[in-house]
Structures are given as structure tokens and as C-alpha cells.
């Protein structure tokens, strides 16, 4: 099981390895609106553990390049955790 530490909630959620982080819905206060990577409601900063995430897909790259430039930003609805632990802040 992978662990997602949600810094601003002081909470850890376990999800299966290889899961999309949209699985945090209902287990955290992260807002997931469109779930297809177009609205940006679920944008978060990866505080640590980025190496445990799959690289951004094309949908996420386009959104981040246009609306959220900078390091360590991800759309949680498009992000897959391979295994291990990651810390996010939204």
C-alpha cells in the first residue's frame, strides 16, 4: 500500500500501489471537481516523494504549462502513485 501524507490536514491516507490520487476523494478534503484535468480544483504541491509518482501525462502537462507553471505542482486527478510515500499540500 502506498501512503499519501496530506500536510495541511495532518493526515495520512493509504491507497493501493499504482492508484490514481483521485482515490483520495472522500478520504480527505481535497476537492475533485471535473476529474479529467481541466478545472484545476485538485492542484497540489508535491512536498516530498515525487520520485514515487508517475510522470505527468499529456493532459496534465498541458494544464500545468498553461495555468500552474513552477516546480512540484501536480493535478491529483491525473497523478498516479507507483508505490512508497508522498507528501502533498493543497
N, C-alpha and C. Protein backbone atom coordinates (compact mmCIF):
# COMPACT_ATOMS: atom_id res chain seq x y z
N UNK A 1 0.83 -1.19 0.00
CA UNK A 1 0.00 0.00 0.00
C UNK A 1 0.88 1.25 0.00
N UNK A 2 0.48 2.21 -0.82
CA UNK A 2 1.15 3.50 -0.87
C UNK A 2 0.56 4.41 0.20
N UNK A 3 1.35 5.35 0.66
CA UNK A 3 0.89 6.29 1.67
C UNK A 3 0.97 7.72 1.14
N UNK A 4 -0.13 8.45 1.29
CA UNK A 4 -0.17 9.85 0.90
C UNK A 4 -0.34 10.67 2.17
N UNK A 5 0.67 11.44 2.49
CA UNK A 5 0.62 12.32 3.65
C UNK A 5 0.07 13.66 3.17
N UNK A 6 -1.00 14.11 3.78
CA UNK A 6 -1.62 15.37 3.40
C UNK A 6 -1.24 16.39 4.47
N UNK A 7 -0.26 17.21 4.13
CA UNK A 7 0.37 18.11 5.10
C UNK A 7 -0.63 19.04 5.78
N UNK A 8 -1.50 19.71 5.02
CA UNK A 8 -2.39 20.69 5.65
C UNK A 8 -3.55 20.05 6.40
N UNK A 9 -3.71 18.75 6.33
CA UNK A 9 -4.72 18.06 7.14
C UNK A 9 -4.07 17.26 8.26
N UNK A 10 -2.73 17.19 8.25
CA UNK A 10 -2.00 16.38 9.22
C UNK A 10 -2.58 14.96 9.24
N UNK A 11 -2.67 14.38 8.03
CA UNK A 11 -3.35 13.11 7.86
C UNK A 11 -2.59 12.26 6.85
N UNK A 12 -2.65 10.94 7.03
CA UNK A 12 -2.08 10.01 6.07
C UNK A 12 -3.18 9.08 5.58
N UNK A 13 -3.23 8.90 4.26
CA UNK A 13 -4.21 8.02 3.64
C UNK A 13 -3.46 6.92 2.90
N UNK A 14 -3.85 5.68 3.10
CA UNK A 14 -3.25 4.57 2.37
C UNK A 14 -4.14 4.21 1.19
N UNK A 15 -3.50 4.04 0.03
CA UNK A 15 -4.20 3.60 -1.17
C UNK A 15 -3.33 2.54 -1.84
N UNK A 16 -3.92 1.69 -2.65
CA UNK A 16 -3.12 0.63 -3.30
C UNK A 16 -2.03 1.20 -4.21
N UNK A 17 -0.90 0.52 -4.27
CA UNK A 17 0.16 0.88 -5.21
C UNK A 17 -0.44 0.97 -6.60
N UNK A 18 -0.01 1.94 -7.38
CA UNK A 18 -0.48 2.10 -8.75
C UNK A 18 -1.80 2.84 -8.87
N UNK A 19 -2.28 3.40 -7.77
CA UNK A 19 -3.57 4.11 -7.76
C UNK A 19 -3.43 5.53 -8.28
N UNK A 20 -4.53 6.01 -8.84
CA UNK A 20 -4.65 7.41 -9.19
C UNK A 20 -4.99 8.15 -7.90
N UNK A 21 -4.43 9.32 -7.70
CA UNK A 21 -4.67 10.05 -6.45
C UNK A 21 -6.09 10.60 -6.34
N UNK A 22 -6.90 10.46 -7.38
CA UNK A 22 -8.32 10.79 -7.26
C UNK A 22 -8.97 9.88 -6.21
N UNK A 23 -8.29 8.78 -5.88
CA UNK A 23 -8.79 7.89 -4.83
C UNK A 23 -8.77 8.53 -3.44
N UNK A 24 -8.19 9.72 -3.34
CA UNK A 24 -8.23 10.47 -2.08
C UNK A 24 -9.61 11.07 -1.83
N UNK A 25 -10.44 11.12 -2.87
CA UNK A 25 -11.77 11.69 -2.74
C UNK A 25 -12.56 10.92 -1.68
N UNK A 26 -13.13 11.66 -0.76
CA UNK A 26 -13.90 11.06 0.33
C UNK A 26 -13.04 10.61 1.51
N UNK A 27 -11.73 10.58 1.31
CA UNK A 27 -10.81 10.20 2.37
C UNK A 27 -10.01 11.40 2.86
N UNK A 28 -10.22 12.53 2.19
CA UNK A 28 -9.51 13.76 2.52
C UNK A 28 -10.41 14.93 2.13
N UNK A 29 -9.92 16.13 2.37
CA UNK A 29 -10.68 17.32 2.00
C UNK A 29 -10.26 17.89 0.65
N UNK A 30 -9.43 17.17 -0.10
CA UNK A 30 -9.05 17.61 -1.43
C UNK A 30 -10.31 17.68 -2.29
N UNK A 31 -10.44 18.77 -3.03
CA UNK A 31 -11.61 18.94 -3.90
C UNK A 31 -11.29 18.38 -5.28
N UNK A 32 -12.11 17.46 -5.73
CA UNK A 32 -12.03 16.92 -7.08
C UNK A 32 -13.31 17.31 -7.79
N UNK A 33 -13.22 18.18 -8.79
CA UNK A 33 -14.41 18.65 -9.49
C UNK A 33 -14.59 17.89 -10.79
N UNK A 34 -13.82 18.21 -11.82
CA UNK A 34 -14.04 17.61 -13.14
C UNK A 34 -13.46 16.20 -13.26
N UNK A 35 -12.38 15.93 -12.58
CA UNK A 35 -11.67 14.65 -12.58
C UNK A 35 -11.05 14.28 -13.93
N UNK A 36 -10.96 15.24 -14.85
CA UNK A 36 -10.34 14.97 -16.15
C UNK A 36 -9.17 15.90 -16.45
N UNK A 37 -8.75 16.68 -15.47
CA UNK A 37 -7.57 17.51 -15.64
C UNK A 37 -7.79 18.84 -16.33
N UNK A 38 -9.02 19.34 -16.30
CA UNK A 38 -9.25 20.61 -16.99
C UNK A 38 -9.61 21.76 -16.06
N UNK A 39 -10.06 21.49 -14.84
CA UNK A 39 -10.53 22.60 -14.00
C UNK A 39 -9.48 23.11 -13.01
N UNK A 40 -8.56 22.27 -12.59
CA UNK A 40 -7.51 22.68 -11.67
C UNK A 40 -7.90 22.69 -10.20
N UNK A 41 -9.09 22.21 -9.86
CA UNK A 41 -9.52 22.21 -8.46
C UNK A 41 -8.59 21.37 -7.58
N UNK A 42 -8.02 20.33 -8.13
CA UNK A 42 -7.22 19.40 -7.33
C UNK A 42 -5.72 19.65 -7.43
N UNK A 43 -5.33 20.85 -7.83
CA UNK A 43 -3.90 21.15 -7.94
C UNK A 43 -3.27 21.12 -6.55
N UNK A 44 -2.08 20.54 -6.48
CA UNK A 44 -1.39 20.43 -5.19
C UNK A 44 0.11 20.55 -5.43
N UNK A 45 0.82 20.84 -4.36
CA UNK A 45 2.27 20.86 -4.38
C UNK A 45 2.77 19.55 -3.82
N UNK A 46 3.72 18.94 -4.50
CA UNK A 46 4.35 17.73 -4.00
C UNK A 46 5.50 18.18 -3.11
N UNK A 47 5.35 17.96 -1.83
CA UNK A 47 6.34 18.39 -0.85
C UNK A 47 7.53 17.43 -0.83
N UNK A 48 7.24 16.14 -0.90
CA UNK A 48 8.29 15.12 -0.95
C UNK A 48 7.73 13.85 -1.58
N UNK A 49 8.63 13.02 -2.07
CA UNK A 49 8.23 11.75 -2.64
C UNK A 49 7.85 11.78 -4.10
N UNK A 50 8.21 12.84 -4.82
CA UNK A 50 7.85 12.95 -6.24
C UNK A 50 8.39 11.78 -7.05
N UNK A 51 9.48 11.19 -6.60
CA UNK A 51 10.05 10.05 -7.32
C UNK A 51 9.13 8.82 -7.28
N UNK A 52 8.17 8.82 -6.39
CA UNK A 52 7.22 7.71 -6.28
C UNK A 52 5.98 7.90 -7.16
N UNK A 53 5.95 8.98 -7.93
CA UNK A 53 4.82 9.27 -8.80
C UNK A 53 5.20 9.03 -10.27
N UNK A 54 4.21 8.59 -11.05
CA UNK A 54 4.41 8.51 -12.49
C UNK A 54 4.59 9.92 -13.04
N UNK A 55 5.31 10.08 -14.14
CA UNK A 55 5.44 11.42 -14.73
C UNK A 55 4.08 11.94 -15.19
N UNK A 56 3.93 13.25 -15.30
CA UNK A 56 2.66 13.81 -15.77
C UNK A 56 2.30 13.28 -17.16
N UNK A 57 1.01 13.00 -17.35
CA UNK A 57 0.54 12.61 -18.68
C UNK A 57 0.35 13.87 -19.52
N UNK A 58 -0.02 13.72 -20.79
CA UNK A 58 -0.15 14.87 -21.68
C UNK A 58 -1.19 15.88 -21.21
N UNK A 59 -2.33 15.39 -20.72
CA UNK A 59 -3.38 16.28 -20.22
C UNK A 59 -2.86 17.15 -19.09
N UNK A 60 -2.17 16.51 -18.17
CA UNK A 60 -1.63 17.24 -17.01
C UNK A 60 -0.54 18.22 -17.45
N UNK A 61 0.34 17.80 -18.34
CA UNK A 61 1.41 18.69 -18.82
C UNK A 61 0.83 19.96 -19.43
N UNK A 62 -0.18 19.80 -20.26
CA UNK A 62 -0.80 20.97 -20.91
C UNK A 62 -1.37 21.92 -19.87
N UNK A 63 -2.11 21.39 -18.89
CA UNK A 63 -2.70 22.24 -17.85
C UNK A 63 -1.60 22.95 -17.05
N UNK A 64 -0.64 22.19 -16.58
CA UNK A 64 0.41 22.77 -15.74
C UNK A 64 1.22 23.83 -16.50
N UNK A 65 1.56 23.55 -17.73
CA UNK A 65 2.33 24.52 -18.52
C UNK A 65 1.58 25.83 -18.71
N UNK A 66 0.27 25.76 -18.87
CA UNK A 66 -0.53 26.95 -19.15
C UNK A 66 -1.05 27.68 -17.91
N UNK A 67 -1.33 26.94 -16.85
CA UNK A 67 -2.02 27.57 -15.71
C UNK A 67 -1.30 27.45 -14.37
N UNK A 68 -0.31 26.61 -14.26
CA UNK A 68 0.36 26.43 -12.97
C UNK A 68 1.86 26.20 -13.16
N UNK A 69 2.53 27.14 -13.82
CA UNK A 69 3.96 26.94 -14.00
C UNK A 69 4.69 26.94 -12.67
N UNK A 70 5.77 26.27 -12.62
CA UNK A 70 6.54 26.18 -11.39
C UNK A 70 6.81 24.73 -11.07
N UNK A 71 7.62 24.55 -10.09
CA UNK A 71 8.04 23.20 -9.72
C UNK A 71 7.08 22.55 -8.73
N UNK A 72 7.03 21.24 -8.83
CA UNK A 72 6.33 20.40 -7.85
C UNK A 72 4.82 20.54 -7.84
N UNK A 73 4.22 21.12 -8.86
CA UNK A 73 2.77 21.21 -8.94
C UNK A 73 2.24 20.00 -9.70
N UNK A 74 1.15 19.43 -9.23
CA UNK A 74 0.51 18.30 -9.92
C UNK A 74 -1.00 18.43 -9.79
N UNK A 75 -1.70 17.87 -10.78
CA UNK A 75 -3.15 17.72 -10.71
C UNK A 75 -3.40 16.33 -10.13
N UNK A 76 -3.95 16.29 -8.95
CA UNK A 76 -4.08 15.00 -8.27
C UNK A 76 -4.99 14.03 -9.01
N UNK A 77 -5.94 14.54 -9.77
CA UNK A 77 -6.84 13.66 -10.52
C UNK A 77 -6.14 12.95 -11.66
N UNK A 78 -4.96 13.41 -12.03
CA UNK A 78 -4.21 12.82 -13.13
C UNK A 78 -2.94 12.11 -12.65
N UNK A 79 -2.66 12.16 -11.36
CA UNK A 79 -1.41 11.67 -10.82
C UNK A 79 -1.54 10.25 -10.29
N UNK A 80 -0.59 9.41 -10.68
CA UNK A 80 -0.58 8.02 -10.23
C UNK A 80 0.63 7.81 -9.33
N UNK A 81 0.38 7.22 -8.16
CA UNK A 81 1.47 6.88 -7.25
C UNK A 81 1.90 5.44 -7.54
N UNK A 82 3.18 5.28 -7.82
CA UNK A 82 3.69 3.95 -8.15
C UNK A 82 3.70 3.07 -6.89
N UNK A 83 4.32 3.60 -5.85
CA UNK A 83 4.43 2.91 -4.56
C UNK A 83 5.13 3.86 -3.60
N UNK A 84 5.28 3.45 -2.37
CA UNK A 84 6.00 4.27 -1.41
C UNK A 84 5.14 5.36 -0.80
N UNK A 85 5.80 6.47 -0.48
CA UNK A 85 5.15 7.56 0.22
C UNK A 85 5.33 8.87 -0.53
N UNK A 86 4.34 9.72 -0.41
CA UNK A 86 4.39 11.06 -0.99
C UNK A 86 3.71 12.00 -0.01
N UNK A 87 4.22 13.22 0.09
CA UNK A 87 3.59 14.25 0.91
C UNK A 87 3.11 15.35 -0.02
N UNK A 88 1.83 15.71 0.16
CA UNK A 88 1.24 16.77 -0.67
C UNK A 88 0.71 17.90 0.22
N UNK A 89 0.55 19.05 -0.40
CA UNK A 89 -0.09 20.19 0.24
C UNK A 89 -0.95 20.86 -0.82
N UNK A 90 -2.22 21.07 -0.51
CA UNK A 90 -3.12 21.67 -1.49
C UNK A 90 -3.57 23.04 -1.07
